[in-house]
Amino acid sequence: MSRTTAAVDASLPDRWEELVTTALLGTDRRTPPGVAPGPQAPSALLDAAAVATVRRRAGLRPAPAAERLRPAPEDPRPALPPAAARRLAVLLSDRPGASGGGRRGTAPDLMELLPQWLHAANARGFAAPPQALPALLDAARGRTDLRPATLRFAGPRALWLARLNPDWRFALRAAPGGSSSAPDPTDAAGVRRLWQEGLFAERVTLLTALRSRDPAAARDLLAQTWAVERAEDRLMFLDSLRAGLHPDDEAFLERALADRSRNVRATAAELLSALPGSALAARMAVRAAACVAVDRTRDVPTIVVEAPPECDAAMERDGVVAKAPAGRGERSWWLGQLVEAAPLDSWSRRLGGRTPEEIVALPVADGWQDELHAAWCRAAVRQRDAGWSRALLGEPSAPEAGGPGAVSLAERARLLATLGAGERAVWVAGFIETHGLSEAFQLLGVCAVPWAAPLGRAVVDALNIARDAGSYPWSFSGVMGLAERCLDPSEASRLDALLAVPDEPEDAAPGAGGYWSEAFQRLVTTLRLRAAMLAELTPPPASAP
């Protein structure tokens, strides 16, 4: 110990906090007690801190030993085939390029293939290799779209790891039963205790998991504490009833229509209108029918509209929002809400027994067609009514390419989502054949993967036409990326003829031919890689004894 420290040792307080404060402020602004400002002050402070450190450590009492870490649970699922395990390691080691925008070159984007690989591995029931779990959790941490498939594939060991690393705690929130305190759904007392005492995230996870197994039990659990929940929590809990929505939920939702929160009332009304047999839907049908009728006195039967003159208290209770958004007329705003909440099957009776196609084809007087058809579109999506969706979409080859009711590509995509996968693919293929790819990106996003043969052919043919026309190539990079992930791998051999660099028209974008060649090479390489991935995940047939 230095002579300076010895001189002041008796006067230095053994208070760690004071020494830390002095160090943070600096000895130019504050010095230890008994030490004058100057060149000796820093040394005195460090010596005092060293002595205090020894004292603190020497004074520590032995702590009880921590509980020994329990081993990770066993995963009973079969192990991956060796080739598939190696492929997973390669996919997880790939990192997206730093540069944004359209990438060039012929190498596949491996991280974009990881979702498909996980889907295929889960479909075949394989367990994740233990050594791959940290990289899998890191990938899912950075991409929320990967989390459901990743956690299913990673299994119980992912939750075991997540309790040891705060970076992976998302797994505990996202996976049913992920919380260490989550009870077995069959443990009624444990479920009730967690629901009454758990954190909000734990309660949401519990309610969602229970709703997937026993919808009535989840609804009854929510009803027990509904009156004392906060408004924002009631809204989140109510939203969980969308999964497995059933007519048995109607009584609870009717009570929620009287909730003191406007957002809760609106959500309850939306859910009730998705049940065409509900009392609310019947009330909305009566209101909407009073506003829409067929005028048979004209040369051509025509739909006439008389929008509601006011929004009364009963309408507001049933979820009609009285205040219109900026730029919208109040009466048209109220009309749209009534029509979208009314059961679609009520319109045939109201409008002369006509089919949805015949109703949509009728002229609408006084400029009300867009408002009326847009409301029917929202109703078709909400009620998952494929018949009305077909009528509103119309023929894909029609000049307007979306039917009279589709006012945007996003709305057409939502209507298409109510149709079966095969019908969806055929409709979008017809759209592309008539109108090209420039407006088809959103529509392609709702088609099942891998694309059905008619859709795959339509996309490839449209890309080929764009290439031959010398079109600006980078404007098709989004569709090309979708094709890499969504085309059936069996299409690869049909694309070999497109790999050569084409002759560029005089008005083509500079370098367009080289880009198109690289893009098609990358497409073919990716398709063959996807085929190899699927083959690696398919175990060989057992040999005969």
Protein backbone atom coordinates (compact mmCIF):
# COMPACT_ATOMS: atom_id res chain seq x y z
CA MET A 1 0.00 0.00 0.00
CA SER A 2 1.42 3.43 -0.93
CA ARG A 3 2.34 6.02 1.70
CA THR A 4 -0.47 8.29 0.49
CA THR A 5 -3.03 5.55 0.94
CA ALA A 6 -1.65 4.65 4.37
CA ALA A 7 -2.02 8.26 5.44
CA VAL A 8 -5.65 8.48 4.53
CA ASP A 9 -6.70 4.88 5.15
CA ALA A 10 -8.15 5.68 8.53
CA SER A 11 -10.28 8.48 7.13
CA LEU A 12 -11.49 6.74 3.94
CA PRO A 13 -15.04 5.45 4.32
CA ASP A 14 -15.53 1.83 3.44
CA ARG A 15 -18.62 2.62 1.43
CA TRP A 16 -18.48 1.15 -2.04
CA GLU A 17 -21.17 3.44 -3.39
CA GLU A 18 -19.22 6.57 -2.43
CA LEU A 19 -16.07 5.30 -4.11
CA VAL A 20 -18.02 4.46 -7.27
CA THR A 21 -19.60 7.93 -7.30
CA THR A 22 -16.17 9.56 -6.93
CA ALA A 23 -14.80 7.47 -9.80
CA LEU A 24 -17.72 8.38 -12.06
CA LEU A 25 -17.42 12.11 -11.34
CA GLY A 26 -13.62 12.14 -11.58
CA THR A 27 -11.07 13.31 -8.99
CA ASP A 28 -10.93 16.75 -10.64
CA ARG A 29 -14.50 17.34 -9.38
CA ARG A 30 -14.51 15.21 -6.24
CA THR A 31 -11.78 13.57 -4.15
CA PRO A 32 -11.89 10.90 -1.48
CA PRO A 33 -12.18 12.26 2.07
CA GLY A 34 -8.82 13.26 3.47
CA VAL A 35 -7.16 13.60 0.06
CA ALA A 36 -6.43 17.01 -1.36
CA PRO A 37 -7.08 17.63 -5.05
CA GLY A 38 -4.01 17.10 -7.14
CA PRO A 39 -1.94 14.45 -8.90
CA GLN A 40 -2.09 12.10 -5.88
CA ALA A 41 -5.90 11.90 -5.84
CA PRO A 42 -6.38 9.31 -8.63
CA SER A 43 -3.85 6.93 -7.03
CA ALA A 44 -5.47 7.34 -3.65
CA LEU A 45 -8.91 6.55 -5.10
CA LEU A 46 -7.65 3.40 -6.88
CA ASP A 47 -5.85 2.17 -3.78
CA ALA A 48 -8.94 2.73 -1.66
CA ALA A 49 -11.06 0.90 -4.20
CA ALA A 50 -8.63 -2.04 -4.16
CA VAL A 51 -8.79 -2.28 -0.38
CA ALA A 52 -12.59 -2.02 -0.40
CA THR A 53 -12.81 -4.74 -3.04
CA VAL A 54 -10.80 -7.15 -0.92
CA ARG A 55 -12.94 -6.35 2.11
CA ARG A 56 -16.16 -6.92 0.17
CA ARG A 57 -15.01 -10.24 -1.19
CA ALA A 58 -13.68 -11.43 2.13
CA GLY A 59 -16.94 -10.55 3.79
CA LEU A 60 -19.13 -12.57 1.46
CA ARG A 61 -20.89 -15.51 3.00
CA PRO A 62 -21.04 -18.74 1.04
CA ALA A 63 -24.30 -18.91 -0.89
CA PRO A 64 -26.32 -22.09 -1.10
CA ALA A 65 -25.52 -24.13 -4.14
CA ALA A 66 -27.77 -23.51 -7.12
CA GLU A 67 -30.14 -26.24 -8.11
CA ARG A 68 -28.49 -28.60 -10.55
CA LEU A 69 -29.65 -28.01 -14.09
CA ARG A 70 -32.07 -30.64 -15.21
CA PRO A 71 -31.24 -32.44 -18.45
CA ALA A 72 -33.04 -31.40 -21.60
CA PRO A 73 -36.16 -33.49 -22.28
CA GLU A 74 -35.97 -36.28 -24.79
CA ASP A 75 -37.51 -35.75 -28.23
CA PRO A 76 -39.19 -39.01 -29.28
CA ARG A 77 -39.46 -38.10 -32.96
CA PRO A 78 -37.13 -39.79 -35.48
CA ALA A 79 -33.82 -38.12 -36.29
CA LEU A 80 -33.24 -36.36 -39.58
CA PRO A 81 -31.58 -38.34 -42.35
CA PRO A 82 -27.87 -37.37 -42.46
CA ALA A 83 -28.17 -35.60 -45.83
CA ALA A 84 -31.09 -33.51 -44.57
CA ALA A 85 -29.17 -32.58 -41.40
CA ARG A 86 -26.26 -31.37 -43.52
CA ARG A 87 -28.65 -29.39 -45.70
CA LEU A 88 -30.17 -27.71 -42.66
CA ALA A 89 -26.72 -26.63 -41.46
CA VAL A 90 -26.04 -25.06 -44.86
CA LEU A 91 -29.39 -23.23 -44.90
CA LEU A 92 -28.80 -21.85 -41.41
CA SER A 93 -25.28 -20.69 -42.23
CA ASP A 94 -26.49 -18.53 -45.12
CA ARG A 95 -26.92 -14.84 -44.38
CA PRO A 96 -28.92 -12.38 -46.49
CA GLY A 97 -26.81 -10.01 -48.57
CA ALA A 98 -26.15 -6.57 -47.17
CA SER A 99 -27.26 -4.80 -50.32
CA GLY A 100 -30.96 -4.27 -50.80
CA GLY A 101 -33.01 -4.47 -53.96
CA GLY A 102 -32.77 -7.02 -56.72
CA ARG A 103 -29.80 -9.34 -56.31
CA ARG A 104 -27.82 -10.60 -59.28
CA GLY A 105 -26.00 -13.85 -59.89
CA THR A 106 -27.16 -17.42 -60.18
CA ALA A 107 -26.81 -18.61 -56.53
CA PRO A 108 -30.07 -19.42 -54.73
CA ASP A 109 -31.08 -17.41 -51.67
CA LEU A 110 -30.83 -20.17 -49.11
CA MET A 111 -32.50 -18.36 -46.21
CA GLU A 112 -35.62 -17.93 -48.34
CA LEU A 113 -35.74 -21.72 -48.71
CA LEU A 114 -35.62 -22.35 -44.96
CA PRO A 115 -39.41 -21.89 -44.44
CA GLN A 116 -40.15 -24.57 -47.06
CA TRP A 117 -37.54 -26.89 -45.59
CA LEU A 118 -39.08 -26.52 -42.12
CA HIS A 119 -42.58 -27.13 -43.49
CA ALA A 120 -41.46 -30.33 -45.20
CA ALA A 121 -39.52 -31.56 -42.14
CA ASN A 122 -42.52 -30.93 -39.88
CA ALA A 123 -44.85 -32.69 -42.30
CA ARG A 124 -42.63 -35.77 -42.07
CA GLY A 125 -42.39 -35.62 -38.26
CA PHE A 126 -38.61 -35.32 -37.86
CA ALA A 127 -36.85 -34.03 -34.74
CA ALA A 128 -34.30 -31.21 -34.91
CA PRO A 129 -30.63 -32.14 -34.47
CA PRO A 130 -29.57 -30.89 -31.00
CA GLN A 131 -26.51 -29.11 -32.40
CA ALA A 132 -28.71 -27.07 -34.77
CA LEU A 133 -31.05 -25.70 -32.08
CA PRO A 134 -29.07 -22.51 -31.25
CA ALA A 135 -28.86 -21.50 -34.91
CA LEU A 136 -32.55 -22.32 -35.42
CA LEU A 137 -33.57 -20.14 -32.47
CA ASP A 138 -31.32 -17.32 -33.67
CA ALA A 139 -32.94 -17.46 -37.11
CA ALA A 140 -36.43 -17.41 -35.60
CA ARG A 141 -35.47 -14.55 -33.31
CA GLY A 142 -34.67 -12.39 -36.33
CA ARG A 143 -37.68 -13.47 -38.44
CA THR A 144 -41.05 -13.73 -36.77
CA ASP A 145 -42.52 -15.53 -39.80
CA LEU A 146 -40.21 -18.48 -39.05
CA ARG A 147 -41.24 -18.88 -35.42
CA PRO A 148 -44.26 -21.21 -35.61
CA ALA A 149 -42.55 -23.74 -37.91
CA THR A 150 -39.21 -23.42 -36.09
CA LEU A 151 -40.68 -24.04 -32.65
CA ARG A 152 -42.67 -27.00 -33.89
CA PHE A 153 -39.56 -28.51 -35.45
CA ALA A 154 -37.26 -27.67 -32.53
CA GLY A 155 -39.63 -29.35 -30.07
CA PRO A 156 -39.34 -29.41 -26.26
CA ARG A 157 -35.60 -28.85 -26.23
CA ALA A 158 -36.08 -25.38 -27.71
CA LEU A 159 -38.14 -24.39 -24.68
CA TRP A 160 -35.49 -25.86 -22.37
CA LEU A 161 -32.83 -23.71 -24.08
CA ALA A 162 -35.06 -20.63 -24.11
CA ARG A 163 -35.24 -20.69 -20.31
CA LEU A 164 -31.42 -20.42 -20.20
CA ASN A 165 -30.92 -17.60 -22.73
CA PRO A 166 -32.91 -14.33 -22.56
CA ASP A 167 -32.39 -13.81 -26.32
CA TRP A 168 -34.66 -16.80 -26.97
CA ARG A 169 -37.44 -15.96 -24.54
CA PHE A 170 -39.77 -15.36 -27.50
CA ALA A 171 -40.08 -19.15 -27.66
CA LEU A 172 -41.68 -19.22 -24.22
CA ARG A 173 -44.25 -16.63 -25.28
CA ALA A 174 -44.97 -18.09 -28.70
CA ALA A 175 -45.25 -21.79 -27.93
CA PRO A 176 -48.32 -23.19 -26.13
CA GLY A 177 -47.08 -24.46 -22.81
CA GLY A 178 -43.82 -22.56 -23.25
CA SER A 179 -44.01 -20.82 -19.90
CA SER A 180 -42.43 -22.80 -17.12
CA SER A 181 -45.60 -22.20 -15.13
CA ALA A 182 -48.01 -23.27 -17.85
CA PRO A 183 -50.29 -26.04 -16.59
CA ASP A 184 -51.51 -29.02 -18.51
CA PRO A 185 -54.79 -28.05 -20.24
CA THR A 186 -56.49 -30.95 -18.46
CA ASP A 187 -55.42 -29.55 -15.06
CA ALA A 188 -58.51 -27.46 -14.31
CA ALA A 189 -57.13 -26.06 -11.04
CA GLY A 190 -53.81 -25.14 -12.62
CA VAL A 191 -55.51 -23.48 -15.58
CA ARG A 192 -57.76 -21.47 -13.26
CA ARG A 193 -54.79 -20.42 -11.09
CA LEU A 194 -52.69 -19.21 -14.04
CA TRP A 195 -55.66 -17.39 -15.54
CA GLN A 196 -56.28 -15.54 -12.28
CA GLU A 197 -52.65 -14.89 -11.27
CA GLY A 198 -50.55 -15.03 -14.45
CA LEU A 199 -48.96 -12.23 -16.42
CA PHE A 200 -50.88 -10.89 -19.39
CA ALA A 201 -48.68 -12.67 -21.98
CA GLU A 202 -49.09 -15.95 -20.09
CA ARG A 203 -52.86 -15.54 -19.98
CA VAL A 204 -53.07 -14.80 -23.73
CA THR A 205 -50.97 -17.89 -24.47
CA LEU A 206 -53.11 -19.98 -22.13
CA LEU A 207 -56.37 -18.76 -23.65
CA THR A 208 -55.14 -19.33 -27.21
CA ALA A 209 -53.91 -22.85 -26.43
CA LEU A 210 -57.12 -23.74 -24.62
CA ARG A 211 -59.25 -22.31 -27.44
CA SER A 212 -57.55 -24.62 -29.93
CA ARG A 213 -58.37 -27.68 -27.80
CA ASP A 214 -61.66 -26.85 -26.11
CA PRO A 215 -63.33 -23.67 -27.47
CA ALA A 216 -66.18 -23.77 -24.95
CA ALA A 217 -63.82 -24.10 -21.98
CA ALA A 218 -61.77 -21.13 -23.21
CA ARG A 219 -64.90 -19.02 -23.60
CA ASP A 220 -66.13 -19.98 -20.12
CA LEU A 221 -62.73 -19.13 -18.63
CA LEU A 222 -62.85 -15.69 -20.21
CA ALA A 223 -66.42 -15.11 -19.04
CA GLN A 224 -65.40 -15.70 -15.39
CA THR A 225 -63.21 -12.58 -15.22
CA TRP A 226 -64.60 -10.53 -18.12
CA ALA A 227 -66.18 -7.84 -15.93
CA VAL A 228 -62.93 -6.98 -14.13
CA GLU A 229 -60.51 -7.08 -17.10
CA ARG A 230 -58.99 -3.89 -18.49
CA ALA A 231 -60.45 -2.64 -21.78
CA GLU A 232 -57.26 -3.25 -23.78
CA ASP A 233 -57.00 -6.76 -22.32
CA ARG A 234 -60.66 -7.50 -23.09
CA LEU A 235 -60.01 -6.57 -26.70
CA MET A 236 -57.05 -8.96 -27.00
CA PHE A 237 -58.89 -11.77 -25.25
CA LEU A 238 -61.99 -11.29 -27.40
CA ASP A 239 -59.88 -11.48 -30.54
CA SER A 240 -58.78 -14.98 -29.54
CA LEU A 241 -62.36 -16.18 -30.15
CA ARG A 242 -61.84 -15.82 -33.92
CA ALA A 243 -60.22 -19.24 -33.91
CA GLY A 244 -62.98 -21.81 -33.88
CA LEU A 245 -65.77 -19.21 -33.93
CA HIS A 246 -69.05 -21.09 -33.37
CA PRO A 247 -72.73 -20.26 -32.89
CA ASP A 248 -72.30 -21.28 -29.25
CA ASP A 249 -70.20 -18.11 -28.81
CA GLU A 250 -73.16 -15.88 -29.67
CA ALA A 251 -74.52 -15.36 -26.15
CA PHE A 252 -71.13 -14.22 -24.85
CA LEU A 253 -70.58 -11.92 -27.83
CA GLU A 254 -74.04 -10.41 -27.45
CA ARG A 255 -73.13 -9.42 -23.89
CA ALA A 256 -69.92 -7.88 -25.19
CA LEU A 257 -72.00 -5.57 -27.42
CA ALA A 258 -72.84 -3.64 -24.26
CA ASP A 259 -69.18 -3.23 -23.31
CA ARG A 260 -68.02 0.21 -22.23
CA SER A 261 -65.13 0.11 -24.75
CA ARG A 262 -66.03 1.08 -28.32
CA ASN A 263 -63.26 -1.14 -29.74
CA VAL A 264 -64.53 -4.15 -27.81
CA ARG A 265 -68.08 -3.49 -29.04
CA ALA A 266 -66.87 -3.21 -32.64
CA THR A 267 -64.92 -6.48 -32.42
CA ALA A 268 -67.87 -8.32 -30.87
CA ALA A 269 -70.16 -7.01 -33.64
CA GLU A 270 -67.69 -8.10 -36.32
CA LEU A 271 -67.50 -11.62 -34.88
CA LEU A 272 -71.29 -11.85 -34.63
CA SER A 273 -71.71 -10.73 -38.23
CA ALA A 274 -69.37 -13.56 -39.24
CA LEU A 275 -72.03 -15.91 -37.83
CA PRO A 276 -74.81 -15.55 -40.45
CA GLY A 277 -77.33 -17.21 -38.13
CA SER A 278 -76.79 -14.80 -35.23
CA ALA A 279 -79.42 -12.40 -33.96
CA LEU A 280 -77.17 -9.45 -34.80
CA ALA A 281 -76.86 -10.64 -38.40
CA ALA A 282 -80.66 -10.86 -38.59
CA ARG A 283 -81.01 -7.31 -37.25
CA MET A 284 -78.47 -6.06 -39.79
CA ALA A 285 -80.33 -7.90 -42.58
CA VAL A 286 -83.54 -6.05 -41.72
CA ARG A 287 -81.76 -2.68 -41.68
CA ALA A 288 -79.88 -3.36 -44.92
CA ALA A 289 -83.01 -4.64 -46.70
CA ALA A 290 -84.74 -1.34 -45.92
CA CYS A 291 -82.01 0.45 -47.86
CA VAL A 292 -81.64 -1.75 -50.97
CA ALA A 293 -84.37 -2.90 -53.37
CA VAL A 294 -85.02 -3.69 -57.05
CA ASP A 295 -87.01 -1.17 -59.07
CA ARG A 296 -89.03 -3.28 -61.54
CA THR A 297 -90.78 -0.29 -63.12
CA ARG A 298 -87.77 0.57 -65.26
CA ASP A 299 -87.02 -0.96 -68.66
CA VAL A 300 -84.21 -2.95 -67.01
CA PRO A 301 -84.57 -4.08 -63.38
CA THR A 302 -82.31 -1.79 -61.39
CA ILE A 303 -81.10 -1.78 -57.81
CA VAL A 304 -82.05 1.41 -56.01
CA VAL A 305 -80.44 2.51 -52.75
CA GLU A 306 -81.81 4.69 -49.99
CA ALA A 307 -79.05 5.15 -47.41
CA PRO A 308 -80.07 5.28 -43.72
CA PRO A 309 -80.99 8.83 -42.65
CA GLU A 310 -79.42 8.46 -39.19
CA CYS A 311 -77.33 6.18 -37.00
CA ASP A 312 -79.47 5.50 -33.95
CA ALA A 313 -78.41 4.06 -30.61
CA ALA A 314 -79.46 0.52 -31.56
CA MET A 315 -77.25 0.64 -34.67
CA GLU A 316 -74.31 1.87 -32.61
CA ARG A 317 -74.84 -0.93 -30.10
CA ASP A 318 -74.64 -3.40 -32.98
CA GLY A 319 -71.26 -2.07 -34.00
CA VAL A 320 -72.07 0.65 -36.53
CA VAL A 321 -69.53 3.47 -36.14
CA ALA A 322 -71.43 6.75 -36.30
CA LYS A 323 -68.58 9.12 -37.17
CA ALA A 324 -67.47 8.76 -40.80
CA PRO A 325 -63.78 9.02 -41.77
CA ALA A 326 -62.60 12.23 -43.39
CA GLY A 327 -63.78 12.46 -46.97
CA ARG A 328 -66.65 10.00 -46.57
CA GLY A 329 -70.32 10.91 -46.49
CA GLU A 330 -72.08 9.82 -43.32
CA ARG A 331 -75.01 8.08 -45.00
CA SER A 332 -72.84 6.07 -47.40
CA TRP A 333 -70.58 5.17 -44.46
CA TRP A 334 -73.54 3.81 -42.48
CA LEU A 335 -74.91 1.96 -45.51
CA GLY A 336 -71.62 0.17 -46.11
CA GLN A 337 -71.48 -1.05 -42.53
CA LEU A 338 -75.04 -2.37 -42.63
CA VAL A 339 -74.54 -4.23 -45.90
CA GLU A 340 -71.23 -5.83 -44.94
CA ALA A 341 -72.73 -7.13 -41.67
CA ALA A 342 -75.91 -8.57 -43.24
CA PRO A 343 -75.95 -12.30 -44.13
CA LEU A 344 -75.28 -12.68 -47.83
CA ASP A 345 -77.89 -15.41 -48.25
CA SER A 346 -80.59 -12.89 -47.30
CA TRP A 347 -80.09 -10.91 -50.52
CA SER A 348 -81.46 -13.61 -52.80
CA ARG A 349 -84.79 -13.53 -50.95
CA ARG A 350 -84.81 -9.74 -50.86
CA LEU A 351 -83.90 -9.25 -54.54
CA GLY A 352 -86.32 -11.56 -56.31
CA GLY A 353 -84.68 -14.95 -55.84
CA ARG A 354 -81.67 -14.02 -57.96
CA THR A 355 -78.31 -15.74 -57.67
CA PRO A 356 -75.23 -13.79 -56.54
CA GLU A 357 -74.07 -13.53 -60.18
CA GLU A 358 -77.44 -12.14 -61.26
CA ILE A 359 -77.51 -9.67 -58.36
CA VAL A 360 -74.02 -8.38 -59.07
CA ALA A 361 -74.89 -7.99 -62.76
CA LEU A 362 -77.87 -5.69 -62.04
CA PRO A 363 -77.29 -1.98 -62.68
CA VAL A 364 -77.31 0.24 -59.60
CA ALA A 365 -78.95 3.63 -59.78
CA ASP A 366 -77.61 7.02 -58.74
CA GLY A 367 -73.93 6.12 -58.47
CA TRP A 368 -74.27 3.71 -55.56
CA GLN A 369 -72.69 0.72 -57.34
CA ASP A 370 -69.13 1.11 -56.02
CA GLU A 371 -70.27 1.56 -52.42
CA LEU A 372 -72.72 -1.35 -52.54
CA HIS A 373 -70.42 -3.80 -54.28
CA ALA A 374 -67.47 -2.91 -52.05
CA ALA A 375 -69.63 -3.69 -48.99
CA TRP A 376 -70.64 -7.03 -50.52
CA CYS A 377 -66.94 -7.77 -51.05
CA ARG A 378 -66.20 -7.19 -47.37
CA ALA A 379 -69.16 -9.36 -46.41
CA ALA A 380 -67.98 -12.20 -48.68
CA VAL A 381 -64.54 -12.13 -47.07
CA ARG A 382 -65.91 -11.93 -43.52
CA GLN A 383 -68.44 -14.72 -44.04
CA ARG A 384 -66.08 -16.84 -46.19
CA ASP A 385 -68.77 -17.11 -48.88
CA ALA A 386 -67.18 -18.62 -51.99
CA GLY A 387 -70.31 -18.17 -54.15
CA TRP A 388 -70.44 -14.43 -53.61
CA SER A 389 -66.66 -14.18 -54.00
CA ARG A 390 -66.89 -15.79 -57.45
CA ALA A 391 -69.66 -13.41 -58.48
CA LEU A 392 -67.75 -10.35 -57.29
CA LEU A 393 -64.47 -11.45 -58.83
CA GLY A 394 -66.04 -12.11 -62.21
CA GLU A 395 -64.07 -13.64 -65.06
CA PRO A 396 -60.30 -13.09 -64.87
CA SER A 397 -60.26 -12.20 -68.57
CA ALA A 398 -62.84 -9.41 -68.19
CA PRO A 399 -61.63 -5.93 -69.13
CA GLU A 400 -61.79 -4.77 -65.54
CA ALA A 401 -60.08 -8.02 -64.53
CA GLY A 402 -61.68 -8.25 -61.15
CA GLY A 403 -65.43 -8.09 -61.44
CA PRO A 404 -67.57 -5.14 -60.55
CA GLY A 405 -67.03 -5.43 -56.83
CA ALA A 406 -63.24 -5.62 -56.65
CA VAL A 407 -62.04 -2.10 -56.15
CA SER A 408 -58.38 -2.96 -55.55
CA LEU A 409 -55.91 -5.76 -56.02
CA ALA A 410 -55.79 -6.25 -52.25
CA GLU A 411 -59.55 -6.78 -52.19
CA ARG A 412 -59.37 -9.25 -55.07
CA ALA A 413 -56.70 -11.15 -53.15
CA ARG A 414 -58.96 -11.35 -50.10
CA LEU A 415 -61.85 -12.61 -52.23
CA LEU A 416 -59.62 -15.24 -53.82
CA ALA A 417 -58.59 -16.47 -50.36
CA THR A 418 -62.17 -17.70 -49.79
CA LEU A 419 -61.91 -20.10 -52.77
CA GLY A 420 -60.31 -23.52 -52.89
CA ALA A 421 -56.63 -23.77 -53.78
CA GLY A 422 -57.23 -25.23 -57.26
CA GLU A 423 -59.85 -22.66 -58.21
CA ARG A 424 -57.62 -19.87 -56.93
CA ALA A 425 -54.73 -21.02 -59.11
CA VAL A 426 -56.86 -21.28 -62.24
CA TRP A 427 -58.34 -17.80 -61.73
CA VAL A 428 -54.94 -16.15 -61.20
CA ALA A 429 -53.53 -18.02 -64.21
CA GLY A 430 -56.34 -16.59 -66.34
CA PHE A 431 -55.65 -13.13 -64.96
CA ILE A 432 -51.96 -13.36 -65.87
CA GLU A 433 -52.66 -14.70 -69.36
CA THR A 434 -54.87 -11.68 -70.07
CA HIS A 435 -53.22 -8.89 -68.10
CA GLY A 436 -49.61 -10.00 -67.56
CA LEU A 437 -47.61 -9.94 -64.36
CA SER A 438 -47.49 -6.24 -63.60
CA GLU A 439 -50.54 -6.37 -61.31
CA ALA A 440 -50.45 -10.03 -60.29
CA PHE A 441 -47.96 -9.97 -57.41
CA GLN A 442 -50.55 -9.65 -54.63
CA LEU A 443 -52.75 -12.28 -56.25
CA LEU A 444 -49.88 -14.75 -56.45
CA GLY A 445 -49.32 -14.33 -52.72
CA VAL A 446 -52.62 -16.05 -51.84
CA CYS A 447 -52.02 -19.11 -54.06
CA ALA A 448 -51.06 -22.43 -52.51
CA VAL A 449 -47.44 -23.61 -52.75
CA PRO A 450 -46.24 -25.27 -54.88
CA TRP A 451 -48.22 -23.52 -57.58
CA ALA A 452 -50.58 -25.73 -59.56
CA ALA A 453 -49.48 -26.55 -63.10
CA PRO A 454 -51.74 -24.00 -64.90
CA LEU A 455 -50.51 -21.17 -62.69
CA GLY A 456 -46.86 -22.17 -62.97
CA ARG A 457 -47.11 -22.28 -66.77
CA ALA A 458 -48.83 -18.89 -66.86
CA VAL A 459 -46.10 -17.27 -64.73
CA VAL A 460 -43.22 -18.75 -66.74
CA ASP A 461 -44.86 -17.86 -70.07
CA ALA A 462 -45.44 -14.27 -68.90
CA LEU A 463 -41.80 -13.95 -67.76
CA ASN A 464 -40.65 -15.30 -71.11
CA ILE A 465 -42.85 -12.82 -72.98
CA ALA A 466 -41.47 -9.96 -70.86
CA ARG A 467 -37.92 -11.09 -71.61
CA ASP A 468 -38.50 -11.34 -75.37
CA ALA A 469 -40.11 -7.90 -75.36
CA GLY A 470 -37.03 -6.36 -73.77
CA SER A 471 -39.02 -5.25 -70.73
CA TYR A 472 -37.20 -3.55 -67.88
CA PRO A 473 -36.02 -6.68 -66.03
CA TRP A 474 -35.71 -5.41 -62.47
CA SER A 475 -39.43 -4.65 -62.29
CA PHE A 476 -40.03 -8.42 -62.36
CA SER A 477 -37.58 -9.29 -59.56
CA GLY A 478 -40.40 -9.73 -57.01
CA VAL A 479 -42.29 -12.19 -59.21
CA MET A 480 -39.06 -14.01 -60.03
CA GLY A 481 -38.33 -14.37 -56.30
CA LEU A 482 -41.83 -15.78 -55.75
CA ALA A 483 -41.34 -18.20 -58.63
CA GLU A 484 -38.13 -19.51 -57.04
CA ARG A 485 -40.02 -20.40 -53.88
CA CYS A 486 -43.40 -21.36 -55.31
CA LEU A 487 -42.99 -23.06 -58.71
CA ASP A 488 -43.24 -26.83 -58.66
CA PRO A 489 -39.64 -28.18 -58.74
CA SER A 490 -40.65 -30.45 -61.61
CA GLU A 491 -40.81 -27.35 -63.84
CA ALA A 492 -37.01 -27.04 -63.84
CA SER A 493 -36.41 -29.15 -66.95
CA ARG A 494 -38.95 -27.10 -68.92
CA LEU A 495 -36.97 -23.93 -68.24
CA ASP A 496 -33.63 -25.04 -69.69
CA ALA A 497 -34.47 -23.37 -73.00
CA LEU A 498 -34.63 -19.98 -71.26
CA LEU A 499 -31.10 -19.99 -69.86
CA ALA A 500 -29.33 -18.52 -72.87
CA VAL A 501 -28.75 -14.78 -73.14
CA PRO A 502 -31.46 -13.51 -75.50
CA ASP A 503 -31.01 -11.05 -78.33
CA GLU A 504 -31.88 -7.63 -76.99
CA PRO A 505 -34.32 -5.41 -78.92
CA GLU A 506 -33.05 -1.94 -79.71
CA ASP A 507 -35.30 -0.34 -77.13
CA ALA A 508 -34.45 -2.86 -74.36
CA ALA A 509 -33.03 -1.74 -71.02
CA PRO A 510 -29.18 -1.85 -71.02
CA GLY A 511 -27.97 -5.22 -69.76
CA ALA A 512 -31.48 -6.66 -69.74
CA GLY A 513 -30.50 -9.82 -71.61
CA GLY A 514 -27.76 -10.71 -69.16
CA TYR A 515 -30.06 -10.07 -66.20
CA TRP A 516 -32.80 -12.28 -67.63
CA SER A 517 -30.30 -15.08 -68.28
CA GLU A 518 -28.94 -14.90 -64.74
CA ALA A 519 -32.44 -14.73 -63.28
CA PHE A 520 -33.60 -17.84 -65.15
CA GLN A 521 -30.40 -19.67 -64.22
CA ARG A 522 -31.00 -18.82 -60.57
CA LEU A 523 -34.61 -19.96 -60.92
CA VAL A 524 -33.61 -23.34 -62.40
CA THR A 525 -30.85 -23.83 -59.82
CA THR A 526 -33.25 -23.05 -56.99
CA LEU A 527 -35.92 -25.41 -58.29
CA ARG A 528 -33.41 -28.25 -58.51
CA LEU A 529 -32.16 -27.46 -55.04
CA ARG A 530 -35.73 -27.60 -53.71
CA ALA A 531 -36.21 -30.97 -55.39
CA ALA A 532 -33.02 -32.25 -53.74
CA MET A 533 -34.19 -30.94 -50.35
CA LEU A 534 -37.44 -32.84 -50.59
CA ALA A 535 -35.64 -36.00 -51.67
CA GLU A 536 -33.27 -35.76 -48.69
CA LEU A 537 -36.23 -35.50 -46.33
CA THR A 538 -37.89 -38.59 -47.77
CA PRO A 539 -36.52 -41.70 -46.06
CA PRO A 540 -35.81 -44.64 -48.35
CA PRO A 541 -38.41 -47.42 -48.34
CA ALA A 542 -37.73 -50.22 -45.90
CA SER A 543 -36.13 -53.23 -47.54
CA ALA A 544 -38.15 -56.42 -47.63
CA PRO A 545 -37.08 -59.09 -45.10
